[in-house]
C-alpha atoms as a PDB file:
ATOM      1  CA  MET A   1     -38.749  12.780  -7.106  1.00  0.00           C
ATOM      2  CA  ILE A   2     -35.969  10.186  -6.076  1.00  0.00           C
ATOM      3  CA  ALA A   3     -33.157  13.004  -6.723  1.00  0.00           C
ATOM      4  CA  GLY A   4     -35.204  15.695  -5.133  1.00  0.00           C
ATOM      5  CA  ILE A   5     -35.066  13.180  -2.004  1.00  0.00           C
ATOM      6  CA  LEU A   6     -31.488  11.949  -2.522  1.00  0.00           C
ATOM      7  CA  ALA A   7     -30.392  15.798  -2.676  1.00  0.00           C
ATOM      8  CA  ALA A   8     -32.494  16.733   0.462  1.00  0.00           C
ATOM      9  CA  THR A   9     -31.602  13.778   2.758  1.00  0.00           C
ATOM     10  CA  PHE A  10     -28.322  11.778   1.980  1.00  0.00           C
ATOM     11  CA  GLU A  11     -25.145  12.919   2.903  1.00  0.00           C
ATOM     12  CA  PRO A  12     -22.659  11.432   0.514  1.00  0.00           C
ATOM     13  CA  PRO A  13     -18.936  10.326   1.819  1.00  0.00           C
ATOM     14  CA  SER A  14     -16.649  13.400   1.362  1.00  0.00           C
ATOM     15  CA  THR A  15     -12.969  14.161   2.384  1.00  0.00           C
ATOM     16  CA  GLU A  16     -14.082  14.459   5.755  1.00  0.00           C
ATOM     17  CA  ASP A  17     -14.251  10.941   6.198  1.00  0.00           C
ATOM     18  CA  PHE A  18      -9.980  10.981   6.113  1.00  0.00           C
ATOM     19  CA  VAL A  19      -9.743  13.301   8.845  1.00  0.00           C
ATOM     20  CA  TYR A  20     -10.133  12.123  12.662  1.00  0.00           C
ATOM     21  CA  GLY A  21      -9.985  13.871  15.763  1.00  0.00           C
ATOM     22  CA  CYS A  22      -7.205  13.267  18.617  1.00  0.00           C
ATOM     23  CA  TRP A  23      -8.062  10.494  21.071  1.00  0.00           C
ATOM     24  CA  GLY A  24      -5.995  12.157  23.820  1.00  0.00           C
ATOM     25  CA  PRO A  25      -3.462  14.856  24.485  1.00  0.00           C
ATOM     26  CA  THR A  26      -2.001  16.708  21.446  1.00  0.00           C
ATOM     27  CA  ILE A  27       1.731  17.388  21.760  1.00  0.00           C
ATOM     28  CA  LYS A  28       3.248  20.543  19.840  1.00  0.00           C
ATOM     29  CA  ILE A  29       7.061  19.692  17.995  1.00  0.00           C
ATOM     30  CA  GLY A  30       7.477  23.252  16.401  1.00  0.00           C
ATOM     31  CA  GLY A  31       4.868  23.868  13.742  1.00  0.00           C
ATOM     32  CA  PHE A  32       3.686  20.230  14.142  1.00  0.00           C
ATOM     33  CA  GLU A  33       0.880  18.839  16.304  1.00  0.00           C
ATOM     34  CA  LEU A  34       1.152  15.152  17.017  1.00  0.00           C
ATOM     35  CA  CYS A  35      -1.600  13.053  19.010  1.00  0.00           C
ATOM     36  CA  PHE A  36      -2.902   9.597  18.849  1.00  0.00           C
ATOM     37  CA  ASN A  37      -6.017   8.870  16.530  1.00  0.00           C
ATOM     38  CA  PHE A  38      -7.933   6.728  14.812  1.00  0.00           C
ATOM     39  CA  ILE A  39      -5.448   6.246  11.716  1.00  0.00           C
ATOM     40  CA  THR A  40      -2.527   5.714  14.281  1.00  0.00           C
ATOM     41  CA  PHE A  41      -4.336   3.364  15.910  1.00  0.00           C
ATOM     42  CA  LEU A  42      -4.976   1.394  12.897  1.00  0.00           C
ATOM     43  CA  VAL A  43      -1.372   1.152  11.867  1.00  0.00           C
ATOM     44  CA  VAL A  44      -0.269   0.259  15.623  1.00  0.00           C
ATOM     45  CA  LEU A  45      -3.023  -2.623  14.799  1.00  0.00           C
ATOM     46  CA  ALA A  46      -1.525  -3.515  11.890  1.00  0.00           C
ATOM     47  CA  THR A  47       2.224  -3.688  12.713  1.00  0.00           C
ATOM     48  CA  ILE A  48       1.157  -5.663  16.207  1.00  0.00           C
ATOM     49  CA  ILE A  49      -0.750  -8.390  13.691  1.00  0.00           C
ATOM     50  CA  VAL A  50       1.921  -8.867  11.739  1.00  0.00           C
ATOM     51  CA  LEU A  51       4.669  -9.154  14.344  1.00  0.00           C
ATOM     52  CA  LEU A  52       2.002 -11.422  16.323  1.00  0.00           C
ATOM     53  CA  LEU A  53       1.756 -13.691  13.421  1.00  0.00           C
ATOM     54  CA  PHE A  54       5.573 -13.934  12.528  1.00  0.00           C
ATOM     55  CA  PHE A  55       6.075 -14.405  16.401  1.00  0.00           C
ATOM     56  CA  VAL A  56       3.060 -17.156  16.993  1.00  0.00           C
ATOM     57  CA  ALA A  57       4.096 -19.153  13.808  1.00  0.00           C
ATOM     58  CA  PHE A  58       7.575 -18.878  14.400  1.00  0.00           C
ATOM     59  CA  ARG A  59       8.621 -18.750  17.855  1.00  0.00           C
ATOM     60  CA  LYS A  60       8.838 -22.443  18.019  1.00  0.00           C
ATOM     61  CA  PRO A  61       9.427 -23.990  14.831  1.00  0.00           C
ATOM     62  CA  LYS A  62       8.945 -27.618  14.049  1.00  0.00           C
ATOM     63  CA  VAL A  63      10.574 -29.812  11.583  1.00  0.00           C
ATOM     64  CA  VAL A  64       6.779 -31.166  10.508  1.00  0.00           C
ATOM     65  CA  PRO A  65       4.827 -28.064  10.716  1.00  0.00           C
ATOM     66  CA  GLY A  66       1.581 -27.491  12.343  1.00  0.00           C
ATOM     67  CA  LYS A  67      -0.988 -25.627  10.161  1.00  0.00           C
ATOM     68  CA  PHE A  68      -0.527 -21.990  11.044  1.00  0.00           C
ATOM     69  CA  GLN A  69       3.211 -22.493  10.992  1.00  0.00           C
ATOM     70  CA  LEU A  70       2.305 -23.854   7.248  1.00  0.00           C
ATOM     71  CA  LEU A  71       0.008 -21.172   6.434  1.00  0.00           C
ATOM     72  CA  MET A  72       2.975 -18.464   7.155  1.00  0.00           C
ATOM     73  CA  GLU A  73       5.540 -20.668   5.819  1.00  0.00           C
ATOM     74  CA  LEU A  74       3.914 -20.529   2.544  1.00  0.00           C
ATOM     75  CA  GLY A  75       2.976 -16.876   2.687  1.00  0.00           C
ATOM     76  CA  VAL A  76       6.968 -16.518   3.080  1.00  0.00           C
ATOM     77  CA  SER A  77       7.628 -18.689   0.121  1.00  0.00           C
ATOM     78  CA  PHE A  78       4.843 -16.861  -2.044  1.00  0.00           C
ATOM     79  CA  VAL A  79       7.127 -13.495  -1.236  1.00  0.00           C
ATOM     80  CA  ARG A  80      10.480 -15.579  -1.606  1.00  0.00           C
ATOM     81  CA  GLU A  81       9.162 -17.239  -5.300  1.00  0.00           C
ATOM     82  CA  ASN A  82       7.204 -14.983  -6.662  1.00  0.00           C
ATOM     83  CA  ILE A  83       8.472 -11.262  -5.780  1.00  0.00           C
ATOM     84  CA  ALA A  84      12.368 -11.702  -4.378  1.00  0.00           C
ATOM     85  CA  GLU A  85      13.772 -14.220  -6.804  1.00  0.00           C
ATOM     86  CA  PRO A  86      12.550 -13.200 -10.053  1.00  0.00           C
ATOM     87  CA  MET A  87      13.500  -9.866  -9.527  1.00  0.00           C
ATOM     88  CA  LEU A  88      16.978 -10.651  -7.149  1.00  0.00           C
ATOM     89  CA  GLY A  89      18.395 -14.043  -8.682  1.00  0.00           C
ATOM     90  CA  SER A  90      21.089 -14.807  -6.112  1.00  0.00           C
ATOM     91  CA  HIS A  91      20.865 -11.796  -4.260  1.00  0.00           C
ATOM     92  CA  ALA A  92      17.141 -12.819  -2.803  1.00  0.00           C
ATOM     93  CA  THR A  93      17.736 -13.693   0.722  1.00  0.00           C
ATOM     94  CA  PRO A  94      19.040 -10.719   2.303  1.00  0.00           C
ATOM     95  CA  PHE A  95      15.794  -8.841   1.137  1.00  0.00           C
ATOM     96  CA  VAL A  96      13.109 -11.026   1.753  1.00  0.00           C
ATOM     97  CA  PRO A  97      12.537 -10.041   5.607  1.00  0.00           C
ATOM     98  CA  LEU A  98      11.769  -6.372   3.924  1.00  0.00           C
ATOM     99  CA  LEU A  99       9.406  -7.483   1.339  1.00  0.00           C
ATOM    100  CA  ALA A 100       7.881  -9.639   3.243  1.00  0.00           C
ATOM    101  CA  SER A 101       7.184  -7.189   6.260  1.00  0.00           C
ATOM    102  CA  PHE A 102       6.092  -4.415   2.903  1.00  0.00           C
ATOM    103  CA  PHE A 103       3.539  -7.585   1.793  1.00  0.00           C
ATOM    104  CA  PHE A 104       2.116  -8.793   4.783  1.00  0.00           C
ATOM    105  CA  PHE A 105       2.069  -5.134   6.468  1.00  0.00           C
ATOM    106  CA  ILE A 106       0.515  -3.256   3.637  1.00  0.00           C
ATOM    107  CA  LEU A 107      -2.215  -6.616   3.112  1.00  0.00           C
ATOM    108  CA  VAL A 108      -3.446  -6.341   6.638  1.00  0.00           C
ATOM    109  CA  ALA A 109      -3.542  -2.574   6.834  1.00  0.00           C
ATOM    110  CA  ASN A 110      -5.510  -2.376   3.192  1.00  0.00           C
ATOM    111  CA  LEU A 111      -8.092  -5.181   4.685  1.00  0.00           C
ATOM    112  CA  PHE A 112      -8.943  -2.938   7.459  1.00  0.00           C
ATOM    113  CA  GLU A 113     -11.252  -1.323   4.496  1.00  0.00           C
ATOM    114  CA  ILE A 114     -13.516  -4.080   4.508  1.00  0.00           C
ATOM    115  CA  LEU A 115     -13.650  -4.913   8.149  1.00  0.00           C
ATOM    116  CA  PRO A 116     -16.589  -4.254   9.784  1.00  0.00           C
ATOM    117  CA  GLY A 117     -16.032  -1.968  12.901  1.00  0.00           C
ATOM    118  CA  PHE A 118     -12.909  -0.743  11.200  1.00  0.00           C
ATOM    119  CA  ASN A 119     -13.995   0.202   7.385  1.00  0.00           C
ATOM    120  CA  PHE A 120     -11.236   2.656   6.683  1.00  0.00           C
ATOM    121  CA  ALA A 121      -7.346   1.379   5.712  1.00  0.00           C
ATOM    122  CA  SER A 122      -4.992   3.597   6.884  1.00  0.00           C
ATOM    123  CA  THR A 123      -3.142   2.958   3.277  1.00  0.00           C
ATOM    124  CA  SER A 124      -5.950   5.571   1.855  1.00  0.00           C
ATOM    125  CA  ARG A 125      -4.124   8.457   3.633  1.00  0.00           C
ATOM    126  CA  VAL A 126      -0.834   9.425   1.793  1.00  0.00           C
ATOM    127  CA  ALA A 127       1.424   9.671   4.985  1.00  0.00           C
ATOM    128  CA  ILE A 128       1.717   6.363   5.499  1.00  0.00           C
ATOM    129  CA  PRO A 129       1.843   5.091   1.534  1.00  0.00           C
ATOM    130  CA  LEU A 130       4.609   7.836   2.245  1.00  0.00           C
ATOM    131  CA  ILE A 131       6.657   6.316   4.764  1.00  0.00           C
ATOM    132  CA  LEU A 132       6.703   2.890   2.903  1.00  0.00           C
ATOM    133  CA  ALA A 133       7.898   4.266  -0.351  1.00  0.00           C
ATOM    134  CA  LEU A 134      10.631   6.282   1.270  1.00  0.00           C
ATOM    135  CA  VAL A 135      11.896   2.960   3.162  1.00  0.00           C
ATOM    136  CA  SER A 136      11.713   1.423  -0.099  1.00  0.00           C
ATOM    137  CA  TRP A 137      13.414   4.382  -1.640  1.00  0.00           C
ATOM    138  CA  VAL A 138      16.282   4.755   0.858  1.00  0.00           C
ATOM    139  CA  THR A 139      16.800   1.199   0.418  1.00  0.00           C
ATOM    140  CA  TYR A 140      17.500   0.568  -3.092  1.00  0.00           C
ATOM    141  CA  ASN A 141      19.567   3.973  -3.552  1.00  0.00           C
ATOM    142  CA  ALA A 142      21.308   2.822  -0.502  1.00  0.00           C
ATOM    143  CA  VAL A 143      21.984  -0.640  -1.991  1.00  0.00           C
ATOM    144  CA  GLY A 144      23.078   0.909  -5.188  1.00  0.00           C
ATOM    145  CA  ILE A 145      25.384   3.340  -3.473  1.00  0.00           C
ATOM    146  CA  ARG A 146      26.753   0.174  -1.867  1.00  0.00           C
ATOM    147  CA  LYS A 147      27.463  -1.554  -4.996  1.00  0.00           C
ATOM    148  CA  HIS A 148      28.472   0.943  -7.307  1.00  0.00           C
ATOM    149  CA  GLY A 149      29.883   4.039  -4.898  1.00  0.00           C
ATOM    150  CA  PHE A 150      27.941   7.562  -4.566  1.00  0.00           C
ATOM    151  CA  LEU A 151      29.331   8.801  -8.227  1.00  0.00           C
ATOM    152  CA  GLY A 152      29.429   5.472  -9.893  1.00  0.00           C
ATOM    153  CA  TYR A 153      25.604   4.967  -8.815  1.00  0.00           C
ATOM    154  CA  LEU A 154      24.297   7.921 -10.266  1.00  0.00           C
ATOM    155  CA  ARG A 155      26.216   7.259 -13.555  1.00  0.00           C
ATOM    156  CA  HIS A 156      24.705   3.499 -13.251  1.00  0.00           C
ATOM    157  CA  THR A 157      21.257   5.280 -12.492  1.00  0.00           C
ATOM    158  CA  CYS A 158      20.776   8.278 -14.960  1.00  0.00           C
ATOM    159  CA  ILE A 159      23.008   7.746 -17.815  1.00  0.00           C
ATOM    160  CA  ILE A 160      22.297   5.263 -20.789  1.00  0.00           C
ATOM    161  CA  ASP A 161      25.886   4.327 -22.414  1.00  0.00           C
ATOM    162  CA  ALA A 162      24.021   2.814 -25.334  1.00  0.00           C
ATOM    163  CA  ALA A 163      22.195   6.175 -26.442  1.00  0.00           C
ATOM    164  CA  PRO A 164      23.980   8.557 -28.515  1.00  0.00           C
ATOM    165  CA  ALA A 165      26.217  11.122 -26.771  1.00  0.00           C
ATOM    166  CA  VAL A 166      23.839  13.823 -27.867  1.00  0.00           C
ATOM    167  CA  LEU A 167      20.883  13.147 -26.562  1.00  0.00           C
ATOM    168  CA  ARG A 168      23.063  10.709 -23.957  1.00  0.00           C
ATOM    169  CA  TYR A 169      23.359  13.828 -21.454  1.00  0.00           C
ATOM    170  CA  PRO A 170      21.764  17.009 -22.171  1.00  0.00           C
ATOM    171  CA  LEU A 171      18.006  15.044 -22.969  1.00  0.00           C
ATOM    172  CA  LEU A 172      18.272  11.547 -21.522  1.00  0.00           C
ATOM    173  CA  MET A 173      20.094  11.974 -18.544  1.00  0.00           C
ATOM    174  CA  PRO A 174      17.815  14.623 -16.690  1.00  0.00           C
ATOM    175  CA  ILE A 175      15.056  12.331 -17.701  1.00  0.00           C
ATOM    176  CA  GLU A 176      16.534   9.188 -15.840  1.00  0.00           C
ATOM    177  CA  PHE A 177      17.417  10.945 -12.880  1.00  0.00           C
ATOM    178  CA  ILE A 178      13.533  12.216 -12.526  1.00  0.00           C
ATOM    179  CA  SER A 179      12.159   8.933 -13.156  1.00  0.00           C
ATOM    180  CA  ASN A 180      14.611   7.106 -10.933  1.00  0.00           C
ATOM    181  CA  ILE A 181      15.405   9.260  -7.792  1.00  0.00           C
ATOM    182  CA  ILE A 182      12.543  11.787  -7.985  1.00  0.00           C
ATOM    183  CA  VAL A 183       9.538   9.972  -9.342  1.00  0.00           C
ATOM    184  CA  ARG A 184       9.713   6.434  -7.900  1.00  0.00           C
ATOM    185  CA  PRO A 185       8.530   7.261  -4.416  1.00  0.00           C
ATOM    186  CA  ILE A 186       6.261   9.374  -5.352  1.00  0.00           C
ATOM    187  CA  THR A 187       4.550   7.086  -7.876  1.00  0.00           C
ATOM    188  CA  LEU A 188       4.828   3.838  -5.033  1.00  0.00           C
ATOM    189  CA  THR A 189       2.721   6.427  -2.791  1.00  0.00           C
ATOM    190  CA  VAL A 190       0.418   7.629  -5.395  1.00  0.00           C
ATOM    191  CA  ARG A 191      -0.568   4.222  -6.250  1.00  0.00           C
ATOM    192  CA  LEU A 192      -1.290   3.053  -2.990  1.00  0.00           C
ATOM    193  CA  THR A 193      -3.353   5.959  -1.700  1.00  0.00           C
ATOM    194  CA  ALA A 194      -5.800   6.382  -4.718  1.00  0.00           C
ATOM    195  CA  ASN A 195      -6.795   2.861  -4.824  1.00  0.00           C
ATOM    196  CA  PHE A 196      -7.743   2.910  -1.521  1.00  0.00           C
ATOM    197  CA  VAL A 197      -9.277   6.633  -1.577  1.00  0.00           C
ATOM    198  CA  ALA A 198     -11.438   5.520  -4.705  1.00  0.00           C
ATOM    199  CA  GLY A 199     -12.243   1.772  -2.450  1.00  0.00           C
ATOM    200  CA  HIS A 200     -13.910   3.773   0.586  1.00  0.00           C
ATOM    201  CA  PHE A 201     -15.872   6.029  -1.406  1.00  0.00           C
ATOM    202  CA  LEU A 202     -17.265   3.224  -3.553  1.00  0.00           C
ATOM    203  CA  LEU A 203     -18.252   1.107  -0.335  1.00  0.00           C
ATOM    204  CA  ALA A 204     -18.999   4.330   1.204  1.00  0.00           C
ATOM    205  CA  ILE A 205     -21.780   4.875  -1.479  1.00  0.00           C
ATOM    206  CA  PHE A 206     -23.234   1.500  -2.102  1.00  0.00           C
ATOM    207  CA  PHE A 207     -23.615   0.699   1.282  1.00  0.00           C
ATOM    208  CA  LEU A 208     -24.963   4.176   2.682  1.00  0.00           C
ATOM    209  CA  GLY A 209     -27.248   4.137  -0.715  1.00  0.00           C
ATOM    210  CA  THR A 210     -28.157   0.651   0.657  1.00  0.00           C
ATOM    211  CA  VAL A 211     -29.185   2.190   3.878  1.00  0.00           C
ATOM    212  CA  PHE A 212     -30.675   5.196   2.717  1.00  0.00           C
ATOM    213  CA  PHE A 213     -32.835   3.535   0.425  1.00  0.00           C
ATOM    214  CA  LEU A 214     -34.062   1.053   2.924  1.00  0.00           C
ATOM    215  CA  GLU A 215     -35.245   3.800   5.318  1.00  0.00           C
ATOM    216  CA  ASN A 216     -36.876   5.416   2.907  1.00  0.00           C
ATOM    217  CA  GLY A 217     -39.686   3.181   2.307  1.00  0.00           C
ATOM    218  CA  PRO A 218     -40.748   0.744  -0.249  1.00  0.00           C
ATOM    219  CA  LYS A 219     -40.786   3.340  -3.285  1.00  0.00           C
ATOM    220  CA  THR A 220     -37.073   2.949  -3.069  1.00  0.00           C
ATOM    221  CA  TRP A 221     -36.936  -0.372  -1.837  1.00  0.00           C
ATOM    222  CA  LEU A 222     -36.236  -1.749  -5.578  1.00  0.00           C
ATOM    223  CA  PHE A 223     -33.015   0.647  -5.471  1.00  0.00           C
ATOM    224  CA  ALA A 224     -31.660  -1.142  -2.436  1.00  0.00           C
ATOM    225  CA  ALA A 225     -32.093  -4.459  -4.681  1.00  0.00           C
ATOM    226  CA  PHE A 226     -29.199  -3.280  -6.896  1.00  0.00           C
ATOM    227  CA  SER A 227     -27.175  -1.037  -4.726  1.00  0.00           C
ATOM    228  CA  PHE A 228     -26.732  -3.744  -1.639  1.00  0.00           C
ATOM    229  CA  PRO A 229     -25.569  -6.518  -4.454  1.00  0.00           C
ATOM    230  CA  LEU A 230     -23.093  -4.123  -5.930  1.00  0.00           C
ATOM    231  CA  ALA A 231     -21.455  -3.348  -2.329  1.00  0.00           C
ATOM    232  CA  LEU A 232     -20.997  -6.963  -2.010  1.00  0.00           C
ATOM    233  CA  ALA A 233     -19.795  -7.055  -5.361  1.00  0.00           C
ATOM    234  CA  ILE A 234     -17.197  -3.942  -4.577  1.00  0.00           C
ATOM    235  CA  VAL A 235     -16.121  -5.933  -1.238  1.00  0.00           C
ATOM    236  CA  GLY A 236     -14.932  -8.803  -3.145  1.00  0.00           C
ATOM    237  CA  LEU A 237     -13.414  -6.304  -5.190  1.00  0.00           C
ATOM    238  CA  GLU A 238     -11.624  -4.449  -2.990  1.00  0.00           C
ATOM    239  CA  LEU A 239     -10.314  -8.056  -0.937  1.00  0.00           C
ATOM    240  CA  PHE A 240      -9.001  -8.644  -4.558  1.00  0.00           C
ATOM    241  CA  VAL A 241      -7.146  -5.145  -4.758  1.00  0.00           C
ATOM    242  CA  SER A 242      -5.822  -5.414  -0.884  1.00  0.00           C
ATOM    243  CA  ALA A 243      -3.636  -8.315  -2.264  1.00  0.00           C
ATOM    244  CA  LEU A 244      -2.678  -7.173  -5.259  1.00  0.00           C
ATOM    245  CA  GLN A 245      -1.458  -3.587  -4.076  1.00  0.00           C
ATOM    246  CA  ALA A 246       0.836  -5.207  -1.833  1.00  0.00           C
ATOM    247  CA  PHE A 247       1.633  -7.734  -4.107  1.00  0.00           C
ATOM    248  CA  ILE A 248       2.396  -4.676  -6.153  1.00  0.00           C
ATOM    249  CA  PHE A 249       4.409  -2.338  -4.030  1.00  0.00           C
ATOM    250  CA  ALA A 250       6.672  -5.416  -2.234  1.00  0.00           C
ATOM    251  CA  VAL A 251       7.722  -6.359  -6.486  1.00  0.00           C
ATOM    252  CA  LEU A 252       8.342  -2.871  -7.552  1.00  0.00           C
ATOM    253  CA  SER A 253      10.443  -2.669  -4.361  1.00  0.00           C
ATOM    254  CA  ALA A 254      12.355  -5.283  -5.041  1.00  0.00           C
ATOM    255  CA  SER A 255      12.530  -4.504  -8.902  1.00  0.00           C
ATOM    256  CA  TYR A 256      14.164  -1.413  -8.070  1.00  0.00           C
ATOM    257  CA  ILE A 257      16.534  -2.914  -5.392  1.00  0.00           C
ATOM    258  CA  GLY A 258      17.468  -5.266  -8.278  1.00  0.00           C
ATOM    259  CA  GLN A 259      18.026  -2.288 -11.028  1.00  0.00           C
ATOM    260  CA  ALA A 260      20.576  -0.510  -8.265  1.00  0.00           C
ATOM    261  CA  MET A 261      22.236  -3.784  -7.929  1.00  0.00           C
ATOM    262  CA  ALA A 262      22.694  -4.447 -11.808  1.00  0.00           C
ATOM    263  CA  GLU A 263      26.240  -4.263 -13.402  1.00  0.00           C
ATOM    264  CA  GLU A 264      25.153  -2.201 -16.537  1.00  0.00           C
ATOM    265  CA  HIS A 265      21.931   0.191 -16.772  1.00  0.00           C
END
């Protein structure tokens, strides 16, 4: 009976949840149409929030910091001590701003997933993680080329000197090239996107399910008693995943930069 009611009246979340119309005029460039929409708004808002956090905290830094300056210093110190220095050692300092930008922007963008009124993370749209991954990709390749030269960097990245020659060139070199040059930005993109696509669907299913059960009278209230606590638990899980994925993206980017700068493969 309940299954019949669900099939008749419940509209489950779908990929349509990720499609938003334009809020203004559309600009056509070649075969592309550009406009400002909800996703763009979330990206701009996340950028503004991150910039304001750093501006307000550090515009007039004090030797004895106030609470907000201290909080942001702890955040930057976390990136330096737990991401940059373990991966980059003595070369960490120049890359702390980039890694901190990755961490804080992704964290703020992710948290929109669980904020009432937003309930959507722009990082669940593949274009946003892809742009971040390309920034990381350009950075670690540029660092590697500057360190080793173009051909030297390709050799450093793709050739394993310790491997037997019979395996080194015909087998391992193409694998290393694909893995290090092509696959890395793809995995950075897919990991971040997939986590928040899944999170969006889980939150939508359990919260919409709770509303549905409550609206259909006493015969389904018992189901709401189970779906709502699960929805709250998933909110807590998404909060953890938001921070975790920001950390993972930043630490992998730092790892790739460190590998590009290393003396030996």
